[in-house]
Amino acid sequence: MAARAYWQGQIRLALVSIPVEIYSATRSGASVSFRQIHEPTGKPIAYEKVVAGVGPVDAEDILKGYEIEKGSYVLLEQDEIEAVKLESKKTLELTQFVDANEIDVLYYEKPYFVVPADDLAEEAFIVLREALKRTKKVGLGQLALRGREYVVSLKPCGRGMVLETLRYADEVHKAQGYFRDIPDSKPDEDLLELAETLISKKSAKFDPQIFHDRYVDALRELIERKRKAKGGKIIEQADEAPAKRGSNVVDLMAALKKSLEKPGATTGADAKKPAAKKAPAAKAPVKKVPTEAAAAKKAPARKRA
């Protein structure tokens, strides 16, 4: 079954309009979801919409309300909300272009694949994609998705493009409030070189396939074991006790050196970077050949024995 487009509309650049479709680039299927179960009967618990003093209510009697003061609401019907006209509802107008590195990573929210809607849109789509590649710019605009308007960015991605929703400025905390107590000091050069060497040893090309959600894997394993145990309780003790914070002073130099000595820490990128300086290997003890004088001294000792 073909994926269903999350949004259909057009990208507008000045007088040029390009019909496109966007599709969600991520999925949440890897998570393990649970339902609340009534233990005595083994049946799932249902949720009812209720009003205090009234009881359960029908879905058609429910409206959306905005609280203007405590206990007082302005009620809106769904067709009233949908009637709010936004030009960006079916049009993404690219109003600005910026360097990709100018957008702080904190602003990026969710990615979507962008493809031309039909054969007629392909030429203009490819022109825009290649222009963004050559100029190394990211297009910005605003787009309404599922009842909310987002700031979005548009950038090339292989043969297509990727649209990413961005957070508004008032949705992002200022980093200075969290970082202001960190000293603005320069690290020891020897420590810095050791840290750089350790980073070089562990450097490799990004491969998302090597990372797994170990918590989800453990949950699935627990579910399977629980199924085989037919309801028996399964609780395992943790292998390691949690580390005590501030219990001892760490020798950073020793810890970095020990990290470099760990076997199996290297990757395929190691050959490109110089390895840490190794201490000269300890020489095997040289056997001393006894001289004639030494032999003469030892000879009487054997006679006395």
Protein backbone atom coordinates (compact mmCIF):
# COMPACT_ATOMS: atom_id res chain seq x y z
CA MET A 1 0.00 0.00 0.00
CA ALA A 2 1.43 3.38 -1.05
CA ALA A 3 2.14 5.92 1.67
CA ARG A 4 -0.50 8.61 2.07
CA ALA A 5 0.60 12.21 1.60
CA TYR A 6 0.65 14.19 4.83
CA TRP A 7 0.07 17.46 2.92
CA GLN A 8 -0.59 18.46 -0.68
CA GLY A 9 -0.15 21.96 -2.03
CA GLN A 10 2.40 24.11 -3.77
CA ILE A 11 5.76 25.72 -3.10
CA ARG A 12 5.83 29.29 -4.36
CA LEU A 13 9.03 31.12 -5.29
CA ALA A 14 8.14 34.60 -6.58
CA LEU A 15 5.89 33.91 -9.61
CA VAL A 16 6.77 30.21 -9.85
CA SER A 17 4.46 27.65 -8.19
CA ILE A 18 5.49 24.00 -7.85
CA PRO A 19 2.80 21.42 -6.93
CA VAL A 20 4.24 19.09 -4.29
CA GLU A 21 3.33 16.41 -1.77
CA ILE A 22 5.00 15.89 1.59
CA TYR A 23 5.32 12.66 3.55
CA SER A 24 6.37 12.05 7.12
CA ALA A 25 10.08 11.11 7.19
CA THR A 26 9.96 9.47 10.64
CA ARG A 27 7.87 6.86 12.42
CA SER A 28 7.24 5.86 16.01
CA GLY A 29 6.51 2.18 15.39
CA ALA A 30 9.59 1.09 17.33
CA SER A 31 8.04 1.96 20.70
CA VAL A 32 6.22 -0.54 22.92
CA SER A 33 2.74 0.65 23.91
CA PHE A 34 0.66 -0.61 26.83
CA ARG A 35 -3.04 -0.57 27.66
CA GLN A 36 -4.53 -0.41 31.12
CA ILE A 37 -6.15 -3.75 32.03
CA HIS A 38 -8.66 -4.60 34.74
CA GLU A 39 -6.77 -7.42 36.50
CA PRO A 40 -9.75 -9.41 37.92
CA THR A 41 -11.41 -9.76 34.49
CA GLY A 42 -8.40 -9.31 32.16
CA LYS A 43 -10.37 -6.82 30.05
CA PRO A 44 -9.08 -3.46 28.78
CA ILE A 45 -10.26 -0.31 30.53
CA ALA A 46 -12.36 2.03 28.35
CA TYR A 47 -12.31 5.80 28.66
CA GLU A 48 -15.51 7.80 28.73
CA LYS A 49 -15.92 11.54 28.32
CA VAL A 50 -17.86 12.72 31.36
CA VAL A 51 -19.09 16.00 32.76
CA ALA A 52 -19.00 16.55 36.51
CA GLY A 53 -22.55 16.25 37.87
CA VAL A 54 -23.90 15.07 34.50
CA GLY A 55 -22.05 11.86 33.66
CA PRO A 56 -21.12 10.44 30.21
CA VAL A 57 -21.81 12.72 27.21
CA ASP A 58 -22.16 12.17 23.45
CA ALA A 59 -19.37 13.18 21.06
CA GLU A 60 -21.69 15.48 19.08
CA ASP A 61 -22.30 17.56 22.21
CA ILE A 62 -18.60 18.37 22.63
CA LEU A 63 -17.17 21.70 21.40
CA LYS A 64 -13.72 23.25 21.70
CA GLY A 65 -13.47 26.04 24.25
CA TYR A 66 -10.86 28.70 25.00
CA GLU A 67 -10.73 29.77 28.64
CA ILE A 68 -10.76 33.57 28.83
CA GLU A 69 -11.03 33.62 32.63
CA LYS A 70 -11.48 31.03 35.37
CA GLY A 71 -14.51 28.90 34.44
CA SER A 72 -15.52 31.09 31.46
CA TYR A 73 -14.98 29.83 27.91
CA VAL A 74 -15.46 31.02 24.34
CA LEU A 75 -16.93 28.03 22.46
CA LEU A 76 -15.90 27.28 18.86
CA GLU A 77 -17.31 24.70 16.47
CA GLN A 78 -15.00 22.69 14.19
CA ASP A 79 -16.28 24.27 10.98
CA GLU A 80 -15.63 27.73 12.46
CA ILE A 81 -12.02 26.78 13.17
CA GLU A 82 -11.55 25.28 9.70
CA ALA A 83 -13.02 28.43 8.10
CA VAL A 84 -10.09 30.54 9.33
CA LYS A 85 -8.38 31.45 6.05
CA LEU A 86 -4.61 31.21 5.81
CA GLU A 87 -2.87 31.64 2.47
CA SER A 88 -0.25 29.18 3.71
CA LYS A 89 -2.93 26.51 4.13
CA LYS A 90 -2.18 25.12 0.67
CA THR A 91 0.82 27.25 -0.27
CA LEU A 92 4.35 27.36 1.09
CA GLU A 93 5.83 30.68 0.01
CA LEU A 94 9.60 30.81 0.35
CA THR A 95 10.15 34.27 1.77
CA GLN A 96 13.79 34.06 2.89
CA PHE A 97 16.97 32.04 2.28
CA VAL A 98 19.70 31.54 4.90
CA ASP A 99 22.85 29.50 5.39
CA ALA A 100 22.03 26.14 6.99
CA ASN A 101 24.48 26.70 9.86
CA GLU A 102 22.63 29.90 10.85
CA ILE A 103 19.68 27.89 12.19
CA ASP A 104 20.35 26.64 15.71
CA VAL A 105 19.71 22.91 16.13
CA LEU A 106 17.26 23.73 18.94
CA TYR A 107 14.77 25.09 16.41
CA TYR A 108 14.44 21.93 14.30
CA GLU A 109 11.39 19.83 15.16
CA LYS A 110 10.24 17.22 12.60
CA PRO A 111 11.32 16.30 9.03
CA TYR A 112 9.14 15.52 5.99
CA PHE A 113 10.03 14.28 2.50
CA VAL A 114 9.01 16.62 -0.34
CA VAL A 115 8.32 15.24 -3.84
CA PRO A 116 6.81 16.74 -7.02
CA ALA A 117 3.06 16.12 -7.22
CA ASP A 118 3.13 15.15 -10.93
CA ASP A 119 5.32 14.95 -14.03
CA LEU A 120 4.61 18.56 -14.97
CA ALA A 121 6.04 19.77 -11.63
CA GLU A 122 9.31 17.83 -11.94
CA GLU A 123 11.29 20.37 -13.98
CA ALA A 124 10.59 23.30 -11.67
CA PHE A 125 11.14 21.05 -8.64
CA ILE A 126 14.60 19.97 -9.89
CA VAL A 127 15.58 23.56 -10.71
CA LEU A 128 14.74 24.69 -7.16
CA ARG A 129 16.54 21.70 -5.62
CA GLU A 130 19.72 22.30 -7.62
CA ALA A 131 19.64 26.06 -6.99
CA LEU A 132 19.53 25.38 -3.22
CA LYS A 133 22.47 22.98 -3.60
CA ARG A 134 24.60 25.45 -5.55
CA THR A 135 23.93 28.39 -3.28
CA LYS A 136 24.16 26.18 -0.13
CA LYS A 137 21.07 27.91 1.21
CA VAL A 138 17.95 26.80 3.08
CA GLY A 139 14.55 28.19 2.14
CA LEU A 140 12.23 29.48 4.88
CA GLY A 141 8.48 30.03 4.90
CA GLN A 142 5.30 29.36 6.88
CA LEU A 143 2.89 26.48 6.42
CA ALA A 144 -0.33 25.33 8.09
CA LEU A 145 -0.34 21.65 9.05
CA ARG A 146 -3.16 19.96 10.94
CA GLY A 147 -4.63 23.17 12.32
CA ARG A 148 -1.37 24.88 13.29
CA GLU A 149 0.95 27.17 11.36
CA TYR A 150 4.65 26.39 11.43
CA VAL A 151 7.83 28.08 10.34
CA VAL A 152 9.46 25.55 7.98
CA SER A 153 12.79 25.11 6.25
CA LEU A 154 13.37 23.51 2.84
CA LYS A 155 16.65 21.90 1.83
CA PRO A 156 17.90 19.41 -0.82
CA CYS A 157 18.04 15.71 0.05
CA GLY A 158 19.25 13.28 -2.62
CA ARG A 159 16.87 13.48 -5.58
CA GLY A 160 14.21 15.17 -3.48
CA MET A 161 13.98 17.76 -0.74
CA VAL A 162 13.30 17.74 2.99
CA LEU A 163 10.96 20.13 4.76
CA GLU A 164 11.51 20.55 8.50
CA THR A 165 9.13 22.24 10.91
CA LEU A 166 10.84 24.78 13.16
CA ARG A 167 9.93 26.00 16.62
CA TYR A 168 9.04 29.65 17.13
CA ALA A 169 11.43 31.85 19.10
CA ASP A 170 9.19 31.89 22.19
CA GLU A 171 9.18 28.06 22.27
CA VAL A 172 12.96 27.80 22.76
CA HIS A 173 14.66 28.50 26.10
CA LYS A 174 17.65 30.82 26.04
CA ALA A 175 20.82 28.78 26.58
CA GLN A 176 22.53 31.54 28.56
CA GLY A 177 20.24 30.94 31.52
CA TYR A 178 21.53 27.39 31.83
CA PHE A 179 25.18 27.89 30.83
CA ARG A 180 26.02 31.10 32.69
CA ASP A 181 27.54 29.29 35.72
CA ILE A 182 29.98 27.27 33.57
CA PRO A 183 33.45 28.87 33.85
CA ASP A 184 34.81 30.56 30.73
CA SER A 185 38.27 29.03 31.10
CA LYS A 186 40.74 27.28 28.79
CA PRO A 187 41.48 23.58 29.45
CA ASP A 188 44.92 22.15 30.10
CA GLU A 189 46.64 21.54 26.74
CA ASP A 190 47.78 18.01 27.63
CA LEU A 191 44.24 17.05 28.69
CA LEU A 192 42.86 18.57 25.49
CA GLU A 193 45.29 16.56 23.33
CA LEU A 194 44.32 13.33 25.10
CA ALA A 195 40.63 14.07 24.61
CA GLU A 196 41.21 14.85 20.90
CA THR A 197 43.10 11.58 20.48
CA LEU A 198 40.27 9.66 22.14
CA ILE A 199 37.75 11.33 19.81
CA SER A 200 39.93 10.44 16.80
CA LYS A 201 40.05 6.80 17.87
CA LYS A 202 36.26 6.63 18.05
CA SER A 203 35.56 8.64 14.87
CA ALA A 204 33.61 6.94 12.06
CA LYS A 205 30.93 7.64 9.47
CA PHE A 206 27.44 8.00 10.89
CA ASP A 207 25.49 4.74 10.60
CA PRO A 208 22.11 4.84 12.37
CA GLN A 209 21.71 1.06 11.93
CA ILE A 210 24.30 0.32 14.64
CA PHE A 211 22.19 2.03 17.31
CA HIS A 212 19.19 0.29 18.88
CA ASP A 213 16.68 1.31 21.53
CA ARG A 214 17.95 -1.05 24.22
CA TYR A 215 15.06 -0.21 26.53
CA VAL A 216 12.50 -1.24 23.89
CA ASP A 217 14.50 -4.42 23.15
CA ALA A 218 14.56 -5.27 26.87
CA LEU A 219 10.80 -4.64 27.18
CA ARG A 220 10.06 -6.95 24.25
CA GLU A 221 12.29 -9.63 25.76
CA LEU A 222 10.51 -9.24 29.10
CA ILE A 223 7.10 -9.55 27.39
CA GLU A 224 8.18 -12.75 25.65
CA ARG A 225 9.58 -14.26 28.85
CA LYS A 226 6.44 -13.26 30.73
CA ARG A 227 4.33 -14.95 28.05
CA LYS A 228 6.34 -18.15 28.38
CA ALA A 229 6.19 -17.96 32.19
CA LYS A 230 2.37 -17.78 31.93
CA GLY A 231 1.96 -14.85 34.29
CA GLY A 232 4.80 -15.51 36.73
CA LYS A 233 6.45 -12.37 38.09
CA ILE A 234 9.86 -11.59 36.60
CA ILE A 235 12.12 -9.08 38.36
CA GLU A 236 15.88 -9.04 37.97
CA GLN A 237 18.41 -7.24 40.12
CA ALA A 238 20.48 -4.58 38.40
CA ASP A 239 24.03 -5.67 37.59
CA GLU A 240 25.62 -2.42 38.63
CA ALA A 241 24.89 -0.12 41.54
CA PRO A 242 24.28 3.50 40.51
CA ALA A 243 27.39 5.64 40.74
CA LYS A 244 27.54 7.99 43.70
CA ARG A 245 27.88 11.57 42.59
CA GLY A 246 30.67 13.48 44.23
CA SER A 247 31.90 10.43 46.13
CA ASN A 248 35.49 10.82 44.92
CA VAL A 249 37.69 13.14 42.92
CA VAL A 250 38.42 11.78 39.45
CA ASP A 251 41.93 12.14 38.06
CA LEU A 252 40.96 13.35 34.59
CA MET A 253 44.39 12.73 33.10
CA ALA A 254 44.45 9.13 34.39
CA ALA A 255 40.88 8.50 33.20
CA LEU A 256 41.64 9.76 29.67
CA LYS A 257 44.80 7.68 29.47
CA LYS A 258 42.94 4.60 30.68
CA SER A 259 40.25 5.20 28.04
CA LEU A 260 42.89 5.19 25.32
CA GLU A 261 44.27 1.87 26.60
CA LYS A 262 40.88 0.10 26.39
CA PRO A 263 40.90 -2.69 23.78
CA GLY A 264 38.37 -2.56 20.95
CA ALA A 265 37.92 1.20 21.16
CA THR A 266 39.30 1.83 17.67
CA THR A 267 37.25 2.16 14.49
CA GLY A 268 37.91 2.19 10.77
CA ALA A 269 38.76 5.88 10.94
CA ASP A 270 41.81 5.31 13.15
CA ALA A 271 44.21 5.00 10.27
CA LYS A 272 43.49 8.57 9.22
CA LYS A 273 44.39 10.07 12.60
CA PRO A 274 47.65 9.85 14.51
CA ALA A 275 47.42 7.55 17.48
CA ALA A 276 48.32 8.63 20.98
CA LYS A 277 51.98 8.53 21.87
CA LYS A 278 52.78 5.20 23.45
CA ALA A 279 55.32 4.72 26.17
CA PRO A 280 58.37 2.78 24.94
CA ALA A 281 57.90 -0.95 25.37
CA ALA A 282 59.69 -2.44 28.34
CA LYS A 283 62.80 -4.29 27.24
CA ALA A 284 63.21 -7.93 28.19
CA PRO A 285 65.86 -8.42 30.88
CA VAL A 286 69.27 -9.21 29.37
CA LYS A 287 70.94 -12.32 30.73
CA LYS A 288 74.37 -11.47 32.07
CA VAL A 289 77.17 -13.81 31.06
CA PRO A 290 79.26 -14.50 34.18
CA THR A 291 82.82 -13.23 33.95
CA GLU A 292 85.83 -15.32 35.02
CA ALA A 293 86.19 -13.30 38.22
CA ALA A 294 82.55 -13.85 39.13
CA ALA A 295 82.89 -17.57 38.38
CA ALA A 296 85.94 -17.77 40.62
CA LYS A 297 84.06 -16.16 43.50
CA LYS A 298 81.16 -18.59 43.15
CA ALA A 299 83.36 -21.68 42.95
CA PRO A 300 84.55 -21.67 46.63
CA ALA A 301 80.93 -21.17 47.75
CA ARG A 302 79.97 -24.45 46.09
CA LYS A 303 82.87 -26.25 47.83
CA ARG A 304 81.72 -25.05 51.26
CA ALA A 305 78.23 -26.39 50.54
